């Protein structure tokens, strides 16, 4: 997993708890590299999960909620750091549709070794939008936060129904979205 994700998780935690508290959490988490992450490095996903678990334990916060909050945080970083991906997108559904065919194509050019999740999308006849997350990593709640933040960015009042699915050794979740009328 790319180090930028770790760096941003730590930045988010520091914005809430302060640098010293986060340093203590990283020390207690007993990470392989003692919590020293670089944006360009590659690290095991289990380290990210350990950090989220440690933050959750310290704050007494549900892990799924922390993953969603981190999804919101990362979406903001994507908007700030990669505005070109948002150009020409009329709404959040357009943006979500572009992840697999545009965003991930560019990420793979820069980082051919990266293992990305897949996102299958479908516009349903009744105006709903379906997106299916599939990955070796259990980050479906993080994905949920990214989707919420995307729809908020495009000023959509929308419902999102997440249904977790398991199979084939992957973590999958279906997100069914409906814009409010």
N, C-alpha and C. Protein backbone atom coordinates (compact mmCIF):
# COMPACT_ATOMS: atom_id res chain seq x y z
N UNK A 1 0.84 -1.16 0.00
CA UNK A 1 0.00 0.00 0.00
C UNK A 1 0.90 1.23 0.00
N UNK A 2 0.53 2.22 -0.81
CA UNK A 2 1.36 3.41 -0.93
C UNK A 2 1.41 4.20 0.39
N UNK A 3 2.59 4.71 0.66
CA UNK A 3 2.84 5.43 1.89
C UNK A 3 2.02 6.69 2.07
N UNK A 4 1.60 7.29 0.96
CA UNK A 4 0.80 8.51 1.07
C UNK A 4 -0.46 8.27 1.90
N UNK A 5 -1.01 7.08 1.82
CA UNK A 5 -2.21 6.75 2.59
C UNK A 5 -1.87 6.77 4.08
N UNK A 6 -0.73 6.22 4.45
CA UNK A 6 -0.30 6.21 5.85
C UNK A 6 -0.01 7.62 6.34
N UNK A 7 0.70 8.38 5.53
CA UNK A 7 1.04 9.75 5.89
C UNK A 7 -0.23 10.56 6.14
N UNK A 8 -1.23 10.39 5.28
CA UNK A 8 -2.47 11.14 5.45
C UNK A 8 -3.27 10.68 6.66
N UNK A 9 -3.26 9.38 6.95
CA UNK A 9 -3.95 8.89 8.15
C UNK A 9 -3.32 9.53 9.39
N UNK A 10 -2.02 9.59 9.43
CA UNK A 10 -1.33 10.18 10.57
C UNK A 10 -1.62 11.68 10.64
N UNK A 11 -1.63 12.36 9.50
CA UNK A 11 -1.96 13.80 9.49
C UNK A 11 -3.38 14.03 10.02
N UNK A 12 -4.32 13.17 9.59
CA UNK A 12 -5.69 13.32 10.06
C UNK A 12 -5.74 13.14 11.58
N UNK A 13 -5.09 12.09 12.08
CA UNK A 13 -5.10 11.82 13.52
C UNK A 13 -4.45 12.98 14.29
N UNK A 14 -3.36 13.50 13.76
CA UNK A 14 -2.69 14.63 14.43
C UNK A 14 -3.58 15.87 14.47
N UNK A 15 -4.39 16.05 13.43
CA UNK A 15 -5.27 17.22 13.42
C UNK A 15 -6.34 17.14 14.50
N UNK A 16 -6.65 15.94 14.94
CA UNK A 16 -7.68 15.73 15.96
C UNK A 16 -7.06 15.61 17.35
N UNK A 17 -5.95 14.86 17.43
CA UNK A 17 -5.40 14.48 18.73
C UNK A 17 -4.09 15.17 19.10
N UNK A 18 -3.43 15.73 18.12
CA UNK A 18 -2.12 16.33 18.36
C UNK A 18 -1.00 15.34 18.06
N UNK A 19 0.15 15.90 17.74
CA UNK A 19 1.30 15.10 17.31
C UNK A 19 1.81 14.16 18.41
N UNK A 20 1.87 14.67 19.62
CA UNK A 20 2.40 13.86 20.72
C UNK A 20 1.53 12.63 20.99
N UNK A 21 0.23 12.83 21.01
CA UNK A 21 -0.70 11.70 21.25
C UNK A 21 -0.57 10.66 20.14
N UNK A 22 -0.44 11.12 18.89
CA UNK A 22 -0.32 10.19 17.77
C UNK A 22 1.01 9.44 17.86
N UNK A 23 2.08 10.13 18.25
CA UNK A 23 3.37 9.44 18.44
C UNK A 23 3.23 8.33 19.47
N UNK A 24 2.52 8.60 20.56
CA UNK A 24 2.31 7.57 21.59
C UNK A 24 1.52 6.39 21.03
N UNK A 25 0.50 6.69 20.24
CA UNK A 25 -0.31 5.63 19.64
C UNK A 25 0.53 4.77 18.70
N UNK A 26 1.34 5.42 17.88
CA UNK A 26 2.19 4.67 16.94
C UNK A 26 3.18 3.79 17.68
N UNK A 27 3.69 4.29 18.79
CA UNK A 27 4.64 3.50 19.59
C UNK A 27 3.94 2.28 20.18
N UNK A 28 2.74 2.47 20.71
CA UNK A 28 1.99 1.36 21.31
C UNK A 28 1.55 0.33 20.27
N UNK A 29 1.38 0.77 19.03
CA UNK A 29 0.89 -0.14 17.99
C UNK A 29 1.94 -1.17 17.57
N UNK A 30 3.18 -0.97 17.96
CA UNK A 30 4.27 -1.92 17.66
C UNK A 30 4.34 -2.24 16.17
N UNK A 31 4.49 -1.21 15.38
CA UNK A 31 4.56 -1.34 13.92
C UNK A 31 5.96 -1.80 13.49
N UNK A 32 6.02 -2.44 12.34
CA UNK A 32 7.29 -2.97 11.84
C UNK A 32 8.35 -1.89 11.68
N UNK A 33 7.93 -0.71 11.27
CA UNK A 33 8.89 0.37 11.02
C UNK A 33 8.78 1.48 12.07
N UNK A 34 8.18 1.17 13.20
CA UNK A 34 8.02 2.12 14.30
C UNK A 34 7.23 3.38 13.91
N UNK A 35 6.39 3.28 12.88
CA UNK A 35 5.54 4.39 12.49
C UNK A 35 6.21 5.44 11.63
N UNK A 36 7.35 5.08 11.05
CA UNK A 36 8.06 6.01 10.16
C UNK A 36 7.66 5.70 8.72
N UNK A 37 6.74 6.49 8.17
CA UNK A 37 6.23 6.26 6.82
C UNK A 37 6.63 7.42 5.91
N UNK A 38 6.92 7.09 4.66
CA UNK A 38 7.16 8.13 3.66
C UNK A 38 6.07 8.03 2.61
N UNK A 39 5.77 9.12 1.97
CA UNK A 39 4.69 9.16 0.98
C UNK A 39 4.94 8.23 -0.18
N UNK A 40 6.19 8.01 -0.54
CA UNK A 40 6.50 7.19 -1.72
C UNK A 40 6.80 5.73 -1.39
N UNK A 41 6.85 5.39 -0.11
CA UNK A 41 7.13 4.01 0.28
C UNK A 41 5.94 3.10 0.06
N UNK A 42 6.17 1.81 0.23
CA UNK A 42 5.11 0.80 0.17
C UNK A 42 5.10 0.06 1.50
N UNK A 43 3.91 -0.13 2.05
CA UNK A 43 3.78 -0.74 3.36
C UNK A 43 2.60 -1.70 3.36
N UNK A 44 2.65 -2.70 4.24
CA UNK A 44 1.54 -3.66 4.30
C UNK A 44 0.26 -3.02 4.84
N UNK A 45 -0.85 -3.40 4.28
CA UNK A 45 -2.15 -2.89 4.72
C UNK A 45 -2.39 -3.18 6.19
N UNK A 46 -1.88 -4.29 6.69
CA UNK A 46 -2.09 -4.64 8.11
C UNK A 46 -1.57 -3.54 9.03
N UNK A 47 -0.54 -2.80 8.57
CA UNK A 47 -0.02 -1.69 9.37
C UNK A 47 -1.04 -0.56 9.46
N UNK A 48 -1.70 -0.28 8.33
CA UNK A 48 -2.74 0.75 8.32
C UNK A 48 -3.88 0.35 9.25
N UNK A 49 -4.30 -0.89 9.15
CA UNK A 49 -5.38 -1.39 10.00
C UNK A 49 -4.99 -1.34 11.48
N UNK A 50 -3.73 -1.63 11.78
CA UNK A 50 -3.26 -1.57 13.17
C UNK A 50 -3.31 -0.13 13.69
N UNK A 51 -2.95 0.83 12.84
CA UNK A 51 -3.00 2.23 13.26
C UNK A 51 -4.44 2.67 13.52
N UNK A 52 -5.34 2.31 12.62
CA UNK A 52 -6.76 2.67 12.81
C UNK A 52 -7.29 2.02 14.09
N UNK A 53 -6.95 0.75 14.31
CA UNK A 53 -7.38 0.07 15.53
C UNK A 53 -6.85 0.79 16.78
N UNK A 54 -5.58 1.19 16.73
CA UNK A 54 -4.97 1.86 17.89
C UNK A 54 -5.61 3.23 18.14
N UNK A 55 -5.90 3.96 17.07
CA UNK A 55 -6.58 5.25 17.22
C UNK A 55 -7.98 5.04 17.79
N UNK A 56 -8.67 4.04 17.27
CA UNK A 56 -10.01 3.74 17.77
C UNK A 56 -10.00 3.38 19.24
N UNK A 57 -9.01 2.58 19.66
CA UNK A 57 -8.91 2.19 21.06
C UNK A 57 -8.64 3.41 21.93
N UNK A 58 -7.77 4.29 21.47
CA UNK A 58 -7.42 5.49 22.24
C UNK A 58 -8.63 6.44 22.37
N UNK A 59 -9.38 6.59 21.28
CA UNK A 59 -10.52 7.52 21.28
C UNK A 59 -11.82 6.87 21.76
N UNK A 60 -11.85 5.55 21.84
CA UNK A 60 -13.09 4.86 22.15
C UNK A 60 -14.09 5.00 21.01
N UNK A 61 -13.57 5.03 19.79
CA UNK A 61 -14.40 5.26 18.60
C UNK A 61 -14.55 3.97 17.79
N UNK A 62 -15.71 3.77 17.18
CA UNK A 62 -15.90 2.58 16.34
C UNK A 62 -14.96 2.62 15.13
N UNK A 63 -14.37 1.48 14.84
CA UNK A 63 -13.39 1.37 13.75
C UNK A 63 -14.01 1.74 12.40
N UNK A 64 -15.22 1.26 12.14
CA UNK A 64 -15.87 1.56 10.85
C UNK A 64 -16.06 3.07 10.67
N UNK A 65 -16.41 3.75 11.75
CA UNK A 65 -16.59 5.20 11.68
C UNK A 65 -15.27 5.91 11.40
N UNK A 66 -14.19 5.41 11.98
CA UNK A 66 -12.87 6.01 11.71
C UNK A 66 -12.47 5.81 10.25
N UNK A 67 -12.74 4.62 9.72
CA UNK A 67 -12.44 4.37 8.31
C UNK A 67 -13.23 5.33 7.41
N UNK A 68 -14.51 5.52 7.73
CA UNK A 68 -15.33 6.45 6.93
C UNK A 68 -14.79 7.88 7.04
N UNK A 69 -14.44 8.30 8.25
CA UNK A 69 -13.89 9.63 8.44
C UNK A 69 -12.61 9.79 7.63
N UNK A 70 -11.78 8.75 7.62
CA UNK A 70 -10.54 8.81 6.85
C UNK A 70 -10.83 8.87 5.36
N UNK A 71 -11.89 8.20 4.90
CA UNK A 71 -12.30 8.31 3.50
C UNK A 71 -12.65 9.74 3.14
N UNK A 72 -13.35 10.42 4.02
CA UNK A 72 -13.68 11.84 3.81
C UNK A 72 -12.39 12.67 3.72
N UNK A 73 -11.48 12.42 4.64
CA UNK A 73 -10.22 13.16 4.67
C UNK A 73 -9.46 12.96 3.35
N UNK A 74 -9.34 11.69 2.92
CA UNK A 74 -8.57 11.39 1.71
C UNK A 74 -9.22 12.01 0.47
N UNK A 75 -10.54 12.01 0.43
CA UNK A 75 -11.18 12.63 -0.73
C UNK A 75 -10.79 14.10 -0.82
N UNK A 76 -10.77 14.78 0.30
CA UNK A 76 -10.34 16.18 0.31
C UNK A 76 -8.92 16.34 -0.21
N UNK A 77 -8.06 15.43 0.15
CA UNK A 77 -6.67 15.46 -0.33
C UNK A 77 -6.62 15.22 -1.84
N UNK A 78 -7.48 14.31 -2.33
CA UNK A 78 -7.52 14.05 -3.77
C UNK A 78 -7.99 15.29 -4.53
N UNK A 79 -9.00 15.95 -4.02
CA UNK A 79 -9.51 17.18 -4.67
C UNK A 79 -8.41 18.23 -4.72
N UNK A 80 -7.70 18.37 -3.63
CA UNK A 80 -6.64 19.37 -3.54
C UNK A 80 -5.44 19.01 -4.42
N UNK A 81 -5.04 17.75 -4.38
CA UNK A 81 -3.82 17.34 -5.06
C UNK A 81 -3.97 16.95 -6.52
N UNK A 82 -5.18 16.59 -6.93
CA UNK A 82 -5.39 16.08 -8.29
C UNK A 82 -6.64 16.69 -8.92
N UNK A 83 -6.69 18.01 -9.03
CA UNK A 83 -7.90 18.64 -9.56
C UNK A 83 -8.23 18.25 -11.00
N UNK A 84 -7.24 17.81 -11.75
CA UNK A 84 -7.47 17.43 -13.15
C UNK A 84 -8.49 16.29 -13.26
N UNK A 85 -8.52 15.41 -12.28
CA UNK A 85 -9.46 14.29 -12.33
C UNK A 85 -10.91 14.73 -12.17
N UNK A 86 -11.12 15.93 -11.66
CA UNK A 86 -12.48 16.42 -11.42
C UNK A 86 -12.99 17.28 -12.57
N UNK A 87 -12.10 17.63 -13.46
CA UNK A 87 -12.48 18.47 -14.59
C UNK A 87 -13.43 17.72 -15.51
N UNK A 88 -14.46 18.41 -15.95
CA UNK A 88 -15.42 17.82 -16.88
C UNK A 88 -16.42 16.86 -16.25
N UNK A 89 -16.39 16.73 -14.96
CA UNK A 89 -17.34 15.85 -14.28
C UNK A 89 -18.55 16.68 -13.88
N UNK A 90 -19.72 16.28 -14.35
CA UNK A 90 -20.95 17.02 -14.08
C UNK A 90 -21.52 16.74 -12.70
N UNK A 91 -21.24 15.55 -12.19
CA UNK A 91 -21.78 15.21 -10.89
C UNK A 91 -20.95 14.10 -10.25
N UNK A 92 -21.34 13.73 -9.05
CA UNK A 92 -20.62 12.71 -8.30
C UNK A 92 -20.64 11.35 -8.98
N UNK A 93 -21.74 11.03 -9.66
CA UNK A 93 -21.81 9.75 -10.35
C UNK A 93 -20.80 9.70 -11.49
N UNK A 94 -20.63 10.82 -12.20
CA UNK A 94 -19.60 10.89 -13.25
C UNK A 94 -18.22 10.64 -12.65
N UNK A 95 -17.97 11.25 -11.51
CA UNK A 95 -16.66 11.09 -10.86
C UNK A 95 -16.44 9.64 -10.45
N UNK A 96 -17.43 9.05 -9.81
CA UNK A 96 -17.29 7.66 -9.36
C UNK A 96 -17.10 6.71 -10.55
N UNK A 97 -17.80 6.99 -11.65
CA UNK A 97 -17.63 6.17 -12.85
C UNK A 97 -16.23 6.25 -13.42
N UNK A 98 -15.56 7.36 -13.20
CA UNK A 98 -14.25 7.58 -13.81
C UNK A 98 -13.09 6.93 -13.04
N UNK A 99 -13.34 6.43 -11.86
CA UNK A 99 -12.25 5.91 -11.04
C UNK A 99 -11.52 4.78 -11.75
N UNK A 100 -12.24 3.79 -12.19
CA UNK A 100 -11.61 2.61 -12.79
C UNK A 100 -10.95 2.94 -14.13
N UNK A 101 -11.64 3.68 -14.99
CA UNK A 101 -11.16 3.92 -16.35
C UNK A 101 -10.24 5.11 -16.53
N UNK A 102 -10.20 6.01 -15.56
CA UNK A 102 -9.34 7.20 -15.68
C UNK A 102 -8.33 7.27 -14.54
N UNK A 103 -8.83 7.39 -13.33
CA UNK A 103 -7.96 7.61 -12.18
C UNK A 103 -7.00 6.44 -11.98
N UNK A 104 -7.51 5.23 -11.94
CA UNK A 104 -6.64 4.08 -11.70
C UNK A 104 -5.68 3.84 -12.86
N UNK A 105 -6.07 4.20 -14.07
CA UNK A 105 -5.16 4.07 -15.22
C UNK A 105 -3.94 4.96 -15.00
N UNK A 106 -4.17 6.18 -14.55
CA UNK A 106 -3.06 7.12 -14.31
C UNK A 106 -2.21 6.68 -13.12
N UNK A 107 -2.86 6.17 -12.07
CA UNK A 107 -2.11 5.69 -10.90
C UNK A 107 -1.19 4.55 -11.30
N UNK A 108 -1.69 3.63 -12.12
CA UNK A 108 -0.87 2.49 -12.56
C UNK A 108 0.32 2.93 -13.42
N UNK A 109 0.16 4.02 -14.16
CA UNK A 109 1.28 4.54 -14.95
C UNK A 109 2.41 5.01 -14.02
N UNK A 110 2.03 5.68 -12.94
CA UNK A 110 3.02 6.19 -12.00
C UNK A 110 3.59 5.11 -11.08
N UNK A 111 2.72 4.19 -10.69
CA UNK A 111 3.11 3.16 -9.72
C UNK A 111 2.66 1.79 -10.22
N UNK A 112 3.39 1.21 -11.17
CA UNK A 112 2.95 -0.06 -11.76
C UNK A 112 2.84 -1.21 -10.75
N UNK A 113 3.52 -1.10 -9.62
CA UNK A 113 3.51 -2.17 -8.62
C UNK A 113 2.30 -2.10 -7.69
N UNK A 114 1.54 -1.03 -7.76
CA UNK A 114 0.45 -0.82 -6.81
C UNK A 114 -0.69 -1.80 -7.06
N UNK A 115 -1.27 -2.28 -5.95
CA UNK A 115 -2.44 -3.16 -6.01
C UNK A 115 -3.66 -2.32 -5.66
N UNK A 116 -4.48 -2.06 -6.65
CA UNK A 116 -5.65 -1.21 -6.46
C UNK A 116 -6.92 -2.05 -6.36
N UNK A 117 -7.90 -1.54 -5.66
CA UNK A 117 -9.20 -2.22 -5.67
C UNK A 117 -9.85 -2.03 -7.04
N UNK A 118 -10.89 -2.79 -7.29
CA UNK A 118 -11.66 -2.56 -8.51
C UNK A 118 -13.02 -1.99 -8.13
N UNK A 119 -13.53 -1.18 -9.05
CA UNK A 119 -14.83 -0.54 -8.85
C UNK A 119 -15.66 -0.75 -10.11
N UNK A 120 -16.67 -1.58 -10.01
CA UNK A 120 -17.61 -1.76 -11.11
C UNK A 120 -18.78 -0.83 -10.86
N UNK A 121 -19.18 -0.09 -11.88
CA UNK A 121 -20.28 0.86 -11.73
C UNK A 121 -21.38 0.59 -12.74
N UNK A 122 -22.58 0.99 -12.35
CA UNK A 122 -23.72 0.82 -13.24
C UNK A 122 -24.78 1.87 -12.90
N UNK A 123 -25.25 2.55 -13.94
CA UNK A 123 -26.38 3.47 -13.76
C UNK A 123 -27.64 2.66 -13.99
N UNK A 124 -28.50 2.65 -12.99
CA UNK A 124 -29.73 1.87 -13.07
C UNK A 124 -30.85 2.71 -13.68
N UNK A 125 -31.80 2.04 -14.27
CA UNK A 125 -32.89 2.73 -15.00
C UNK A 125 -33.69 3.69 -14.13
N UNK A 126 -33.80 3.39 -12.86
CA UNK A 126 -34.62 4.23 -11.98
C UNK A 126 -33.85 5.43 -11.41
N UNK A 127 -32.67 5.73 -11.98
CA UNK A 127 -31.88 6.87 -11.54
C UNK A 127 -30.90 6.56 -10.43
N UNK A 128 -30.93 5.33 -9.94
CA UNK A 128 -29.96 4.95 -8.92
C UNK A 128 -28.62 4.63 -9.57
N UNK A 129 -27.59 4.61 -8.76
CA UNK A 129 -26.24 4.33 -9.22
C UNK A 129 -25.67 3.23 -8.33
N UNK A 130 -25.09 2.22 -8.96
CA UNK A 130 -24.53 1.10 -8.20
C UNK A 130 -23.02 1.07 -8.42
N UNK A 131 -22.30 0.88 -7.34
CA UNK A 131 -20.86 0.75 -7.40
C UNK A 131 -20.47 -0.44 -6.53
N UNK A 132 -19.63 -1.32 -7.09
CA UNK A 132 -19.19 -2.49 -6.34
C UNK A 132 -17.68 -2.40 -6.13
N UNK A 133 -17.29 -2.41 -4.87
CA UNK A 133 -15.89 -2.39 -4.44
C UNK A 133 -15.43 -3.83 -4.26
N UNK A 134 -14.26 -4.15 -4.79
CA UNK A 134 -13.68 -5.48 -4.61
C UNK A 134 -12.17 -5.32 -4.41
N UNK A 135 -11.66 -5.94 -3.34
CA UNK A 135 -10.25 -5.77 -3.02
C UNK A 135 -9.76 -6.90 -2.12
N UNK A 136 -8.45 -7.05 -2.10
CA UNK A 136 -7.81 -7.96 -1.15
C UNK A 136 -7.80 -7.35 0.25
N UNK A 137 -8.10 -6.06 0.32
CA UNK A 137 -8.01 -5.32 1.58
C UNK A 137 -9.40 -4.99 2.12
N UNK A 138 -9.56 -5.09 3.44
CA UNK A 138 -10.87 -4.81 4.05
C UNK A 138 -11.09 -3.31 4.28
N UNK A 139 -11.17 -2.56 3.20
CA UNK A 139 -11.30 -1.10 3.31
C UNK A 139 -12.63 -0.60 2.76
N UNK A 140 -13.66 -1.41 2.87
CA UNK A 140 -14.96 -1.03 2.34
C UNK A 140 -15.56 0.17 3.07
N UNK A 141 -15.29 0.32 4.35
CA UNK A 141 -15.82 1.48 5.09
C UNK A 141 -15.05 2.76 4.72
N UNK A 142 -13.77 2.62 4.45
CA UNK A 142 -12.98 3.73 3.91
C UNK A 142 -13.57 4.16 2.57
N UNK A 143 -13.88 3.19 1.73
CA UNK A 143 -14.50 3.46 0.44
C UNK A 143 -15.84 4.17 0.62
N UNK A 144 -16.61 3.74 1.60
CA UNK A 144 -17.90 4.38 1.90
C UNK A 144 -17.69 5.86 2.19
N UNK A 145 -16.68 6.17 2.99
CA UNK A 145 -16.38 7.56 3.29
C UNK A 145 -15.97 8.35 2.06
N UNK A 146 -15.18 7.74 1.18
CA UNK A 146 -14.81 8.40 -0.07
C UNK A 146 -16.04 8.72 -0.91
N UNK A 147 -16.96 7.76 -0.99
CA UNK A 147 -18.19 7.97 -1.77
C UNK A 147 -19.02 9.09 -1.17
N UNK A 148 -19.21 9.07 0.15
CA UNK A 148 -19.97 10.14 0.81
C UNK A 148 -19.35 11.50 0.52
N UNK A 149 -18.03 11.58 0.65
CA UNK A 149 -17.35 12.85 0.42
C UNK A 149 -17.47 13.29 -1.03
N UNK A 150 -17.42 12.35 -1.96
CA UNK A 150 -17.57 12.67 -3.38
C UNK A 150 -18.95 13.27 -3.64
N UNK A 151 -19.97 12.64 -3.13
CA UNK A 151 -21.33 13.15 -3.36
C UNK A 151 -21.51 14.51 -2.69
N UNK A 152 -20.93 14.70 -1.52
CA UNK A 152 -21.00 16.01 -0.86
C UNK A 152 -20.25 17.07 -1.66
N UNK A 153 -19.10 16.69 -2.21
CA UNK A 153 -18.31 17.62 -3.02
C UNK A 153 -19.13 18.16 -4.19
N UNK A 154 -19.91 17.28 -4.80
CA UNK A 154 -20.74 17.68 -5.93
C UNK A 154 -22.12 18.17 -5.48
N UNK A 155 -22.26 18.41 -4.18
CA UNK A 155 -23.46 18.96 -3.56
C UNK A 155 -24.71 18.14 -3.83
N UNK A 156 -24.54 16.82 -3.73
CA UNK A 156 -25.68 15.92 -3.87
C UNK A 156 -26.23 15.57 -2.49
N UNK A 157 -27.52 15.66 -2.37
CA UNK A 157 -28.19 15.10 -1.22
C UNK A 157 -28.59 13.70 -1.69
N UNK A 158 -27.90 12.70 -1.18
CA UNK A 158 -28.11 11.34 -1.69
C UNK A 158 -28.08 10.33 -0.56
N UNK A 159 -28.81 9.26 -0.75
CA UNK A 159 -28.74 8.14 0.18
C UNK A 159 -27.72 7.14 -0.36
N UNK A 160 -27.04 6.49 0.54
CA UNK A 160 -26.07 5.46 0.17
C UNK A 160 -26.37 4.23 1.01
N UNK A 161 -26.65 3.14 0.35
CA UNK A 161 -26.88 1.88 1.05
C UNK A 161 -25.70 0.97 0.74
N UNK A 162 -25.00 0.54 1.79
CA UNK A 162 -23.85 -0.34 1.62
C UNK A 162 -24.21 -1.75 2.06
N UNK A 163 -23.92 -2.71 1.21
CA UNK A 163 -24.14 -4.11 1.53
C UNK A 163 -22.82 -4.84 1.36
N UNK A 164 -22.29 -5.35 2.47
CA UNK A 164 -21.03 -6.09 2.39
C UNK A 164 -21.28 -7.47 1.81
N UNK A 165 -20.33 -7.89 0.98
CA UNK A 165 -20.41 -9.21 0.35
C UNK A 165 -19.07 -9.88 0.54
N UNK A 166 -19.07 -11.18 0.73
CA UNK A 166 -17.81 -11.91 0.86
C UNK A 166 -17.80 -13.02 -0.18
N UNK A 167 -16.62 -13.30 -0.66
CA UNK A 167 -16.49 -14.39 -1.60
C UNK A 167 -15.18 -14.34 -2.35
N UNK A 168 -14.67 -15.49 -2.68
CA UNK A 168 -13.46 -15.56 -3.47
C UNK A 168 -12.24 -14.99 -2.78
N UNK A 169 -12.24 -14.94 -1.45
CA UNK A 169 -11.09 -14.42 -0.73
C UNK A 169 -10.92 -12.92 -0.83
N UNK A 170 -11.93 -12.22 -1.32
CA UNK A 170 -11.85 -10.76 -1.46
C UNK A 170 -12.87 -10.11 -0.54
N UNK A 171 -12.64 -8.85 -0.30
CA UNK A 171 -13.59 -8.04 0.45
C UNK A 171 -14.38 -7.25 -0.58
N UNK A 172 -15.68 -7.38 -0.53
CA UNK A 172 -16.54 -6.72 -1.51
C UNK A 172 -17.67 -5.99 -0.79
N UNK A 173 -18.08 -4.92 -1.39
CA UNK A 173 -19.24 -4.19 -0.89
C UNK A 173 -19.94 -3.55 -2.07
N UNK A 174 -21.26 -3.63 -2.04
CA UNK A 174 -22.07 -2.96 -3.05
C UNK A 174 -22.63 -1.69 -2.44
N UNK A 175 -22.47 -0.60 -3.17
CA UNK A 175 -23.01 0.69 -2.74
C UNK A 175 -24.11 1.07 -3.71
N UNK A 176 -25.30 1.25 -3.19
CA UNK A 176 -26.43 1.65 -4.01
C UNK A 176 -26.78 3.09 -3.61
N UNK A 177 -26.74 3.98 -4.59
CA UNK A 177 -26.93 5.40 -4.31
C UNK A 177 -28.15 5.95 -5.05
N UNK A 178 -28.81 6.88 -4.39
CA UNK A 178 -29.97 7.54 -4.99
C UNK A 178 -29.92 9.00 -4.60
N UNK A 179 -29.90 9.86 -5.61
CA UNK A 179 -29.94 11.30 -5.33
C UNK A 179 -31.34 11.65 -4.87
N UNK A 180 -31.42 12.56 -3.89
CA UNK A 180 -32.72 13.05 -3.44
C UNK A 180 -33.30 13.94 -4.54
N UNK A 181 -34.61 13.89 -4.65
CA UNK A 181 -35.27 14.69 -5.69
C UNK A 181 -35.67 16.04 -5.14
